[in-house]
PDB file of N, CA and C in Angstrom:
ATOM      1  N   MET A   1      24.111   5.110  27.946  1.00  0.00           N
ATOM      2  CA  MET A   1      23.092   5.318  28.880  1.00  0.00           C
ATOM      3  C   MET A   1      22.931   6.687  28.983  1.00  0.00           C
ATOM      4  N   PHE A   2      23.939   7.457  29.036  1.00  0.00           N
ATOM      5  CA  PHE A   2      23.994   8.949  29.126  1.00  0.00           C
ATOM      6  C   PHE A   2      23.034   9.563  28.152  1.00  0.00           C
ATOM      7  N   ILE A   3      23.066   9.319  26.866  1.00  0.00           N
ATOM      8  CA  ILE A   3      22.325   9.494  25.655  1.00  0.00           C
ATOM      9  C   ILE A   3      21.148   9.375  25.819  1.00  0.00           C
ATOM     10  N   LEU A   4      20.641   8.105  26.472  1.00  0.00           N
ATOM     11  CA  LEU A   4      19.117   7.668  26.330  1.00  0.00           C
ATOM     12  C   LEU A   4      18.755   8.677  27.785  1.00  0.00           C
ATOM     13  N   LEU A   5      19.343   8.974  28.949  1.00  0.00           N
ATOM     14  CA  LEU A   5      18.943   9.901  29.824  1.00  0.00           C
ATOM     15  C   LEU A   5      18.657  11.386  29.551  1.00  0.00           C
ATOM     16  N   LEU A   6      19.303  11.557  28.485  1.00  0.00           N
ATOM     17  CA  LEU A   6      19.570  13.098  27.781  1.00  0.00           C
ATOM     18  C   LEU A   6      18.259  13.379  27.010  1.00  0.00           C
ATOM     19  N   ILE A   7      17.886  12.181  26.206  1.00  0.00           N
ATOM     20  CA  ILE A   7      16.666  12.019  25.164  1.00  0.00           C
ATOM     21  C   ILE A   7      15.514  12.008  26.139  1.00  0.00           C
ATOM     22  N   VAL A   8      15.372  11.371  27.321  1.00  0.00           N
ATOM     23  CA  VAL A   8      14.175  11.597  28.065  1.00  0.00           C
ATOM     24  C   VAL A   8      13.906  12.723  28.474  1.00  0.00           C
ATOM     25  N   VAL A   9      14.870  13.626  29.231  1.00  0.00           N
ATOM     26  CA  VAL A   9      14.958  14.766  29.779  1.00  0.00           C
ATOM     27  C   VAL A   9      14.399  15.656  28.772  1.00  0.00           C
ATOM     28  N   MET A  10      14.595  15.657  27.407  1.00  0.00           N
ATOM     29  CA  MET A  10      14.711  16.661  26.510  1.00  0.00           C
ATOM     30  C   MET A  10      13.189  16.309  26.053  1.00  0.00           C
ATOM     31  N   VAL A  11      12.258  15.212  26.131  1.00  0.00           N
ATOM     32  CA  VAL A  11      11.289  14.845  25.715  1.00  0.00           C
ATOM     33  C   VAL A  11      10.322  15.396  26.891  1.00  0.00           C
ATOM     34  N   LEU A  12      10.719  15.101  28.174  1.00  0.00           N
ATOM     35  CA  LEU A  12       9.968  15.450  29.043  1.00  0.00           C
ATOM     36  C   LEU A  12      10.023  17.035  29.134  1.00  0.00           C
ATOM     37  N   PHE A  13      10.892  17.586  28.939  1.00  0.00           N
ATOM     38  CA  PHE A  13      10.960  19.030  29.006  1.00  0.00           C
ATOM     39  C   PHE A  13      10.221  19.620  28.072  1.00  0.00           C
ATOM     40  N   CYS A  14      10.183  19.147  26.611  1.00  0.00           N
ATOM     41  CA  CYS A  14       9.210  19.656  25.638  1.00  0.00           C
ATOM     42  C   CYS A  14       7.730  19.523  25.996  1.00  0.00           C
ATOM     43  N   PHE A  15       7.557  18.178  26.903  1.00  0.00           N
ATOM     44  CA  PHE A  15       6.018  18.020  26.976  1.00  0.00           C
ATOM     45  C   PHE A  15       5.652  18.778  28.106  1.00  0.00           C
ATOM     46  N   PHE A  16       6.283  19.026  28.874  1.00  0.00           N
ATOM     47  CA  PHE A  16       5.521  19.970  30.100  1.00  0.00           C
ATOM     48  C   PHE A  16       5.880  21.674  29.569  1.00  0.00           C
ATOM     49  N   LEU A  17       6.681  22.289  28.748  1.00  0.00           N
ATOM     50  CA  LEU A  17       6.941  23.500  28.846  1.00  0.00           C
ATOM     51  C   LEU A  17       6.195  24.167  27.170  1.00  0.00           C
ATOM     52  N   CYS A  18       5.871  23.103  26.641  1.00  0.00           N
ATOM     53  CA  CYS A  18       5.225  23.485  25.162  1.00  0.00           C
ATOM     54  C   CYS A  18       3.735  24.063  25.604  1.00  0.00           C
ATOM     55  N   LYS A  19       3.321  24.963  24.724  1.00  0.00           N
ATOM     56  CA  LYS A  19       1.997  25.375  24.967  1.00  0.00           C
ATOM     57  C   LYS A  19       1.061  24.776  24.203  1.00  0.00           C
ATOM     58  N   LYS A  20       0.027  24.016  24.607  1.00  0.00           N
ATOM     59  CA  LYS A  20      -1.000  23.320  23.946  1.00  0.00           C
ATOM     60  C   LYS A  20      -2.213  24.300  23.590  1.00  0.00           C
ATOM     61  N   LYS A  21      -2.320  24.464  22.469  1.00  0.00           N
ATOM     62  CA  LYS A  21      -3.492  25.238  22.140  1.00  0.00           C
ATOM     63  C   LYS A  21      -4.702  24.299  21.359  1.00  0.00           C
ATOM     64  N   THR A  22      -5.852  24.097  21.639  1.00  0.00           N
ATOM     65  CA  THR A  22      -6.613  23.210  21.010  1.00  0.00           C
ATOM     66  C   THR A  22      -7.634  24.278  20.417  1.00  0.00           C
ATOM     67  N   SER A  23      -8.100  23.993  19.188  1.00  0.00           N
ATOM     68  CA  SER A  23      -9.088  25.037  18.854  1.00  0.00           C
ATOM     69  C   SER A  23      -9.940  24.079  17.916  1.00  0.00           C
ATOM     70  N   LEU A  24     -11.028  24.487  17.487  1.00  0.00           N
ATOM     71  CA  LEU A  24     -12.093  23.897  16.589  1.00  0.00           C
ATOM     72  C   LEU A  24     -11.444  23.749  15.381  1.00  0.00           C
ATOM     73  N   LEU A  25     -10.803  25.009  14.732  1.00  0.00           N
ATOM     74  CA  LEU A  25     -10.154  24.801  13.468  1.00  0.00           C
ATOM     75  C   LEU A  25      -9.135  23.791  13.337  1.00  0.00           C
ATOM     76  N   LYS A  26      -8.242  23.603  14.409  1.00  0.00           N
ATOM     77  CA  LYS A  26      -7.125  22.467  14.204  1.00  0.00           C
ATOM     78  C   LYS A  26      -7.869  20.832  14.043  1.00  0.00           C
ATOM     79  N   ASN A  27      -9.035  20.915  14.629  1.00  0.00           N
ATOM     80  CA  ASN A  27     -10.011  19.632  14.606  1.00  0.00           C
ATOM     81  C   ASN A  27     -10.622  19.542  13.176  1.00  0.00           C
ATOM     82  N   THR A  28     -10.441  20.180  12.176  1.00  0.00           N
ATOM     83  CA  THR A  28     -11.564  20.192  11.114  1.00  0.00           C
ATOM     84  C   THR A  28     -10.633  19.906   9.861  1.00  0.00           C
ATOM     85  N   PHE A  29     -11.539  18.913   8.901  1.00  0.00           N
ATOM     86  CA  PHE A  29     -10.565  18.654   7.804  1.00  0.00           C
ATOM     87  C   PHE A  29     -10.154  19.736   6.884  1.00  0.00           C
ATOM     88  N   PHE A  30      -8.827  19.601   6.116  1.00  0.00           N
ATOM     89  CA  PHE A  30      -8.495  20.465   5.249  1.00  0.00           C
ATOM     90  C   PHE A  30      -8.555  19.791   3.935  1.00  0.00           C
ATOM     91  N   GLU A  31      -9.166  19.877   3.244  1.00  0.00           N
ATOM     92  CA  GLU A  31      -9.354  19.253   1.712  1.00  0.00           C
ATOM     93  C   GLU A  31      -8.745  20.342   0.928  1.00  0.00           C
ATOM     94  N   SER A  32      -7.248  20.594   0.477  1.00  0.00           N
ATOM     95  CA  SER A  32      -6.803  21.013  -0.482  1.00  0.00           C
ATOM     96  C   SER A  32      -7.195  22.554  -0.592  1.00  0.00           C
ATOM     97  N   GLY A  33      -7.461  23.162   0.636  1.00  0.00           N
ATOM     98  CA  GLY A  33      -7.929  24.722   0.479  1.00  0.00           C
ATOM     99  C   GLY A  33      -9.304  24.898   0.199  1.00  0.00           C
ATOM    100  N   PHE A  34     -10.194  23.773  -0.205  1.00  0.00           N
ATOM    101  CA  PHE A  34     -11.466  23.732  -0.360  1.00  0.00           C
ATOM    102  C   PHE A  34     -12.461  23.184   0.650  1.00  0.00           C
ATOM    103  N   ASN A  35     -13.594  23.698   0.751  1.00  0.00           N
ATOM    104  CA  ASN A  35     -14.254  23.233   1.790  1.00  0.00           C
ATOM    105  C   ASN A  35     -15.050  22.112   1.105  1.00  0.00           C
ATOM    106  N   SER A  36     -15.332  21.060   2.192  1.00  0.00           N
ATOM    107  CA  SER A  36     -15.989  19.787   1.384  1.00  0.00           C
ATOM    108  C   SER A  36     -17.369  20.171   1.243  1.00  0.00           C
ATOM    109  N   LEU A  37     -17.819  19.666  -0.069  1.00  0.00           N
ATOM    110  CA  LEU A  37     -19.327  20.022  -0.180  1.00  0.00           C
ATOM    111  C   LEU A  37     -19.836  18.286  -0.123  1.00  0.00           C
ATOM    112  N   GLY A  38     -20.724  18.226   0.438  1.00  0.00           N
ATOM    113  CA  GLY A  38     -21.694  16.987   0.404  1.00  0.00           C
ATOM    114  C   GLY A  38     -20.815  15.985   1.064  1.00  0.00           C
ATOM    115  N   ASN A  39     -21.325  14.672   0.864  1.00  0.00           N
ATOM    116  CA  ASN A  39     -21.039  13.525   1.588  1.00  0.00           C
ATOM    117  C   ASN A  39     -19.614  13.018   1.255  1.00  0.00           C
ATOM    118  N   ILE A  40     -18.431  12.866   1.883  1.00  0.00           N
ATOM    119  CA  ILE A  40     -17.132  12.518   1.430  1.00  0.00           C
ATOM    120  C   ILE A  40     -16.871  11.173   1.498  1.00  0.00           C
ATOM    121  N   ASN A  41     -17.789  10.339   2.116  1.00  0.00           N
ATOM    122  CA  ASN A  41     -17.958   9.117   2.113  1.00  0.00           C
ATOM    123  C   ASN A  41     -18.600   8.506   1.144  1.00  0.00           C
ATOM    124  N   LEU A  42     -17.630   8.354  -0.128  1.00  0.00           N
ATOM    125  CA  LEU A  42     -18.199   7.912  -1.328  1.00  0.00           C
ATOM    126  C   LEU A  42     -18.063   6.033  -1.390  1.00  0.00           C
ATOM    127  N   SER A  43     -19.261   5.613  -1.905  1.00  0.00           N
ATOM    128  CA  SER A  43     -18.980   4.177  -1.837  1.00  0.00           C
ATOM    129  C   SER A  43     -18.020   3.581  -3.019  1.00  0.00           C
ATOM    130  N   LEU A  44     -17.602   2.495  -2.970  1.00  0.00           N
ATOM    131  CA  LEU A  44     -16.420   1.895  -3.738  1.00  0.00           C
ATOM    132  C   LEU A  44     -16.775   0.373  -4.043  1.00  0.00           C
ATOM    133  N   SER A  45     -17.086   0.106  -4.994  1.00  0.00           N
ATOM    134  CA  SER A  45     -17.071  -1.269  -5.538  1.00  0.00           C
ATOM    135  C   SER A  45     -15.665  -1.966  -5.285  1.00  0.00           C
ATOM    136  N   ILE A  46     -16.062  -3.117  -4.313  1.00  0.00           N
ATOM    137  CA  ILE A  46     -15.193  -4.064  -3.840  1.00  0.00           C
ATOM    138  C   ILE A  46     -14.755  -5.012  -5.069  1.00  0.00           C
ATOM    139  N   HIS A  47     -15.430  -5.343  -6.005  1.00  0.00           N
ATOM    140  CA  HIS A  47     -15.154  -6.092  -6.975  1.00  0.00           C
ATOM    141  C   HIS A  47     -14.123  -5.397  -7.977  1.00  0.00           C
ATOM    142  N   PHE A  48     -14.244  -4.059  -8.387  1.00  0.00           N
ATOM    143  CA  PHE A  48     -13.257  -3.537  -9.286  1.00  0.00           C
ATOM    144  C   PHE A  48     -12.073  -3.191  -8.629  1.00  0.00           C
ATOM    145  N   PHE A  49     -11.930  -3.174  -6.899  1.00  0.00           N
ATOM    146  CA  PHE A  49     -11.219  -2.937  -6.202  1.00  0.00           C
ATOM    147  C   PHE A  49     -10.204  -3.901  -6.234  1.00  0.00           C
ATOM    148  N   PHE A  50     -10.858  -5.385  -6.097  1.00  0.00           N
ATOM    149  CA  PHE A  50     -10.088  -6.566  -6.466  1.00  0.00           C
ATOM    150  C   PHE A  50      -9.332  -6.786  -7.553  1.00  0.00           C
ATOM    151  N   ILE A  51      -9.781  -6.261  -8.697  1.00  0.00           N
ATOM    152  CA  ILE A  51      -9.535  -6.480 -10.250  1.00  0.00           C
ATOM    153  C   ILE A  51      -8.407  -5.492 -10.306  1.00  0.00           C
ATOM    154  N   LEU A  52      -8.507  -4.478  -9.417  1.00  0.00           N
ATOM    155  CA  LEU A  52      -7.215  -3.241  -9.480  1.00  0.00           C
ATOM    156  C   LEU A  52      -6.219  -4.037  -8.938  1.00  0.00           C
ATOM    157  N   LEU A  53      -6.507  -4.446  -7.643  1.00  0.00           N
ATOM    158  CA  LEU A  53      -5.143  -5.272  -6.988  1.00  0.00           C
ATOM    159  C   LEU A  53      -4.474  -6.247  -7.755  1.00  0.00           C
ATOM    160  N   ILE A  54      -5.137  -7.150  -8.302  1.00  0.00           N
ATOM    161  CA  ILE A  54      -4.730  -8.097  -9.156  1.00  0.00           C
ATOM    162  C   ILE A  54      -3.780  -7.777 -10.469  1.00  0.00           C
ATOM    163  N   PHE A  55      -4.531  -6.484 -10.823  1.00  0.00           N
ATOM    164  CA  PHE A  55      -3.805  -5.937 -11.912  1.00  0.00           C
ATOM    165  C   PHE A  55      -2.381  -5.646 -11.707  1.00  0.00           C
ATOM    166  N   ILE A  56      -2.382  -4.830 -10.535  1.00  0.00           N
ATOM    167  CA  ILE A  56      -1.211  -4.421  -9.991  1.00  0.00           C
ATOM    168  C   ILE A  56      -0.250  -5.156  -9.620  1.00  0.00           C
ATOM    169  N   LEU A  57      -0.622  -6.422  -8.990  1.00  0.00           N
ATOM    170  CA  LEU A  57       0.345  -7.559  -8.653  1.00  0.00           C
ATOM    171  C   LEU A  57       0.611  -8.303  -9.962  1.00  0.00           C
ATOM    172  N   PHE A  58       0.123  -8.603 -10.778  1.00  0.00           N
ATOM    173  CA  PHE A  58       0.436  -9.346 -12.072  1.00  0.00           C
ATOM    174  C   PHE A  58       1.412  -8.155 -12.597  1.00  0.00           C
ATOM    175  N   ASP A  59       1.057  -7.186 -12.611  1.00  0.00           N
ATOM    176  CA  ASP A  59       1.854  -5.816 -13.234  1.00  0.00           C
ATOM    177  C   ASP A  59       3.379  -5.667 -12.614  1.00  0.00           C
ATOM    178  N   LEU A  60       3.443  -5.631 -11.322  1.00  0.00           N
ATOM    179  CA  LEU A  60       4.550  -5.749 -10.800  1.00  0.00           C
ATOM    180  C   LEU A  60       5.558  -6.856 -10.908  1.00  0.00           C
ATOM    181  N   GLU A  61       4.666  -8.127 -10.550  1.00  0.00           N
ATOM    182  CA  GLU A  61       5.583  -9.344 -10.969  1.00  0.00           C
ATOM    183  C   GLU A  61       6.029  -9.469 -12.025  1.00  0.00           C
ATOM    184  N   MET A  62       5.392  -9.154 -13.054  1.00  0.00           N
ATOM    185  CA  MET A  62       5.990  -9.447 -14.631  1.00  0.00           C
ATOM    186  C   MET A  62       7.390  -8.332 -14.896  1.00  0.00           C
ATOM    187  N   LEU A  63       7.103  -7.132 -14.186  1.00  0.00           N
ATOM    188  CA  LEU A  63       8.065  -6.137 -14.281  1.00  0.00           C
ATOM    189  C   LEU A  63       9.272  -6.599 -13.419  1.00  0.00           C
ATOM    190  N   PHE A  64       9.261  -6.965 -12.632  1.00  0.00           N
ATOM    191  CA  PHE A  64      10.022  -7.577 -11.600  1.00  0.00           C
ATOM    192  C   PHE A  64      10.769  -8.787 -11.923  1.00  0.00           C
ATOM    193  N   PHE A  65      10.046  -9.634 -12.305  1.00  0.00           N
ATOM    194  CA  PHE A  65      10.698 -11.106 -13.006  1.00  0.00           C
ATOM    195  C   PHE A  65      11.185 -11.010 -14.510  1.00  0.00           C
ATOM    196  N   LEU A  66      10.773  -9.855 -15.613  1.00  0.00           N
ATOM    197  CA  LEU A  66      11.285 -10.102 -16.638  1.00  0.00           C
ATOM    198  C   LEU A  66      12.635  -9.824 -16.508  1.00  0.00           C
ATOM    199  N   PHE A  67      13.180  -8.496 -15.755  1.00  0.00           N
ATOM    200  CA  PHE A  67      14.445  -8.376 -15.475  1.00  0.00           C
ATOM    201  C   PHE A  67      15.475  -9.424 -14.920  1.00  0.00           C
ATOM    202  N   PHE A  68      14.808 -10.204 -14.382  1.00  0.00           N
ATOM    203  CA  PHE A  68      15.645 -11.188 -13.538  1.00  0.00           C
ATOM    204  C   PHE A  68      15.664 -12.325 -14.698  1.00  0.00           C
ATOM    205  N   PHE A  69      14.507 -12.472 -15.781  1.00  0.00           N
ATOM    206  CA  PHE A  69      15.002 -13.409 -16.566  1.00  0.00           C
ATOM    207  C   PHE A  69      15.999 -13.029 -17.781  1.00  0.00           C
ATOM    208  N   PHE A  70      16.145 -11.721 -17.939  1.00  0.00           N
ATOM    209  CA  PHE A  70      16.929 -11.506 -18.835  1.00  0.00           C
ATOM    210  C   PHE A  70      18.660 -11.355 -18.341  1.00  0.00           C
ATOM    211  N   ASN A  71      18.587 -11.055 -17.058  1.00  0.00           N
ATOM    212  CA  ASN A  71      20.047 -11.174 -16.220  1.00  0.00           C
ATOM    213  C   ASN A  71      20.508 -12.534 -16.319  1.00  0.00           C
ATOM    214  N   TYR A  72      19.417 -13.295 -15.768  1.00  0.00           N
ATOM    215  CA  TYR A  72      20.045 -14.708 -15.031  1.00  0.00           C
ATOM    216  C   TYR A  72      19.563 -15.862 -16.123  1.00  0.00           C
ATOM    217  N   TYR A  73      19.624 -15.613 -17.221  1.00  0.00           N
ATOM    218  CA  TYR A  73      19.334 -16.632 -18.252  1.00  0.00           C
ATOM    219  C   TYR A  73      19.744 -18.181 -17.848  1.00  0.00           C
ATOM    220  N   ASN A  74      20.761 -18.123 -17.256  1.00  0.00           N
ATOM    221  CA  ASN A  74      21.372 -19.657 -16.896  1.00  0.00           C
ATOM    222  C   ASN A  74      20.822 -20.295 -15.974  1.00  0.00           C
ATOM    223  N   PHE A  75      20.082 -19.425 -15.191  1.00  0.00           N
ATOM    224  CA  PHE A  75      19.396 -20.220 -14.025  1.00  0.00           C
ATOM    225  C   PHE A  75      17.927 -20.401 -14.702  1.00  0.00           C
ATOM    226  N   ILE A  76      17.734 -21.547 -15.321  1.00  0.00           N
ATOM    227  CA  ILE A  76      16.618 -21.955 -15.971  1.00  0.00           C
ATOM    228  C   ILE A  76      15.622 -22.249 -15.019  1.00  0.00           C
ATOM    229  N   TYR A  77      16.301 -23.353 -13.997  1.00  0.00           N
ATOM    230  CA  TYR A  77      15.426 -23.949 -13.235  1.00  0.00           C
ATOM    231  C   TYR A  77      14.583 -22.797 -12.153  1.00  0.00           C
ATOM    232  N   MET A  78      15.577 -21.624 -11.830  1.00  0.00           N
ATOM    233  CA  MET A  78      14.724 -20.596 -10.940  1.00  0.00           C
ATOM    234  C   MET A  78      14.004 -20.024 -11.811  1.00  0.00           C
ATOM    235  N   ASN A  79      13.956 -19.673 -13.173  1.00  0.00           N
ATOM    236  CA  ASN A  79      12.794 -19.099 -14.056  1.00  0.00           C
ATOM    237  C   ASN A  79      11.736 -20.184 -14.298  1.00  0.00           C
ATOM    238  N   ILE A  80      11.997 -21.244 -14.275  1.00  0.00           N
ATOM    239  CA  ILE A  80      10.822 -21.989 -14.627  1.00  0.00           C
ATOM    240  C   ILE A  80       9.981 -22.067 -13.060  1.00  0.00           C
ATOM    241  N   ILE A  81      10.513 -21.864 -11.966  1.00  0.00           N
ATOM    242  CA  ILE A  81       9.903 -22.032 -10.368  1.00  0.00           C
ATOM    243  C   ILE A  81       8.863 -20.588 -10.501  1.00  0.00           C
ATOM    244  N   ILE A  82       9.425 -19.452 -10.970  1.00  0.00           N
ATOM    245  CA  ILE A  82       8.914 -18.159 -10.732  1.00  0.00           C
ATOM    246  C   ILE A  82       7.880 -18.139 -11.884  1.00  0.00           C
ATOM    247  N   MET A  83       7.986 -18.742 -12.780  1.00  0.00           N
ATOM    248  CA  MET A  83       6.882 -18.918 -14.126  1.00  0.00           C
ATOM    249  C   MET A  83       5.745 -19.607 -13.380  1.00  0.00           C
ATOM    250  N   LEU A  84       6.034 -20.620 -12.871  1.00  0.00           N
ATOM    251  CA  LEU A  84       4.825 -21.471 -12.362  1.00  0.00           C
ATOM    252  C   LEU A  84       4.169 -20.951 -11.108  1.00  0.00           C
ATOM    253  N   PHE A  85       5.066 -20.021 -10.305  1.00  0.00           N
ATOM    254  CA  PHE A  85       4.524 -19.308  -9.385  1.00  0.00           C
ATOM    255  C   PHE A  85       3.529 -18.264  -9.779  1.00  0.00           C
ATOM    256  N   ILE A  86       3.724 -17.526 -10.793  1.00  0.00           N
ATOM    257  CA  ILE A  86       2.861 -16.637 -11.529  1.00  0.00           C
ATOM    258  C   ILE A  86       1.939 -17.576 -12.040  1.00  0.00           C
ATOM    259  N   LEU A  87       1.995 -18.418 -12.944  1.00  0.00           N
ATOM    260  CA  LEU A  87       0.646 -19.110 -13.314  1.00  0.00           C
ATOM    261  C   LEU A  87      -0.215 -19.750 -12.451  1.00  0.00           C
ATOM    262  N   LEU A  88       0.360 -19.967 -11.301  1.00  0.00           N
ATOM    263  CA  LEU A  88      -0.270 -20.822  -9.984  1.00  0.00           C
ATOM    264  C   LEU A  88      -1.136 -19.632  -9.446  1.00  0.00           C
ATOM    265  N   THR A  89      -0.691 -18.467  -9.389  1.00  0.00           N
ATOM    266  CA  THR A  89      -1.350 -17.435  -8.805  1.00  0.00           C
ATOM    267  C   THR A  89      -2.676 -16.833  -9.657  1.00  0.00           C
ATOM    268  N   PHE A  90      -2.372 -17.066 -11.006  1.00  0.00           N
ATOM    269  CA  PHE A  90      -3.253 -16.579 -12.027  1.00  0.00           C
ATOM    270  C   PHE A  90      -4.546 -17.629 -12.082  1.00  0.00           C
ATOM    271  N   PHE A  91      -4.020 -18.728 -11.904  1.00  0.00           N
ATOM    272  CA  PHE A  91      -5.278 -20.025 -11.865  1.00  0.00           C
ATOM    273  C   PHE A  91      -5.775 -20.182 -10.621  1.00  0.00           C
ATOM    274  N   LEU A  92      -5.437 -19.541  -9.535  1.00  0.00           N
ATOM    275  CA  LEU A  92      -6.068 -19.553  -8.224  1.00  0.00           C
ATOM    276  C   LEU A  92      -7.322 -18.326  -8.410  1.00  0.00           C
ATOM    277  N   GLU A  93      -6.619 -17.313  -8.862  1.00  0.00           N
ATOM    278  CA  GLU A  93      -7.833 -16.229  -9.180  1.00  0.00           C
ATOM    279  C   GLU A  93      -8.529 -16.346  -9.816  1.00  0.00           C
ATOM    280  N   TRP A  94      -8.417 -17.279 -10.973  1.00  0.00           N
ATOM    281  CA  TRP A  94      -9.442 -17.595 -12.076  1.00  0.00           C
ATOM    282  C   TRP A  94     -10.535 -18.539 -11.502  1.00  0.00           C
ATOM    283  N   LYS A  95      -9.869 -19.394 -10.590  1.00  0.00           N
ATOM    284  CA  LYS A  95     -10.627 -20.521  -9.798  1.00  0.00           C
ATOM    285  C   LYS A  95     -11.372 -19.976  -8.962  1.00  0.00           C
ATOM    286  N   TYR A  96     -11.197 -18.749  -8.043  1.00  0.00           N
ATOM    287  CA  TYR A  96     -12.269 -17.827  -7.227  1.00  0.00           C
ATOM    288  C   TYR A  96     -12.739 -16.823  -7.589  1.00  0.00           C
ATOM    289  N   VAL A  97     -12.988 -17.036  -9.174  1.00  0.00           N
ATOM    290  CA  VAL A  97     -13.798 -15.927  -9.800  1.00  0.00           C
ATOM    291  C   VAL A  97     -13.500 -14.264  -9.544  1.00  0.00           C
ATOM    292  N   LYS A  98     -12.360 -14.371  -9.596  1.00  0.00           N
ATOM    293  CA  LYS A  98     -11.689 -12.831  -9.487  1.00  0.00           C
ATOM    294  C   LYS A  98     -11.392 -12.205 -10.738  1.00  0.00           C
ATOM    295  N   LEU A  99     -11.661 -12.864 -11.670  1.00  0.00           N
ATOM    296  CA  LEU A  99     -11.330 -12.163 -12.873  1.00  0.00           C
ATOM    297  C   LEU A  99     -12.435 -11.811 -14.012  1.00  0.00           C
ATOM    298  N   ILE A 100     -13.622 -12.103 -13.551  1.00  0.00           N
ATOM    299  CA  ILE A 100     -14.923 -11.701 -14.210  1.00  0.00           C
ATOM    300  C   ILE A 100     -15.380 -10.318 -13.777  1.00  0.00           C
ATOM    301  N   TRP A 101     -15.433  -9.682 -15.103  1.00  0.00           N
ATOM    302  CA  TRP A 101     -15.562  -8.189 -15.085  1.00  0.00           C
ATOM    303  C   TRP A 101     -16.967  -7.734 -14.764  1.00  0.00           C
ATOM    304  N   SER A 102     -18.331  -8.617 -15.248  1.00  0.00           N
ATOM    305  CA  SER A 102     -19.529  -8.307 -14.883  1.00  0.00           C
ATOM    306  C   SER A 102     -19.679  -8.578 -13.536  1.00  0.00           C
ATOM    307  N   LEU A 103     -20.782  -7.535 -12.967  1.00  0.00           N
ATOM    308  CA  LEU A 103     -21.078  -7.711 -11.551  1.00  0.00           C
ATOM    309  C   LEU A 103     -22.316  -8.859 -11.425  1.00  0.00           C
TER     310      LEU A 103
END
């Protein structure tokens, strides 16, 4: 209880005694030392973003499960379930037409 009270007192002490200086310079964006030129809100194709997410998910699934297969080859039922899960997600993405490259 004493520790909690001490923390609250310290936070309140800092809140009331610290100097709060706001300026326009603090509220501007810092772009790696360069001033931003033009519009920084570039458009992004959602279709290719989904392709990227699918690729990352399948890549990570295969990476994690590949080591699992080699380490636990005695658990054949677990391996079959995991492979069925990967195939199911692949076919669902195929069914919802997320794997077509053309726009």
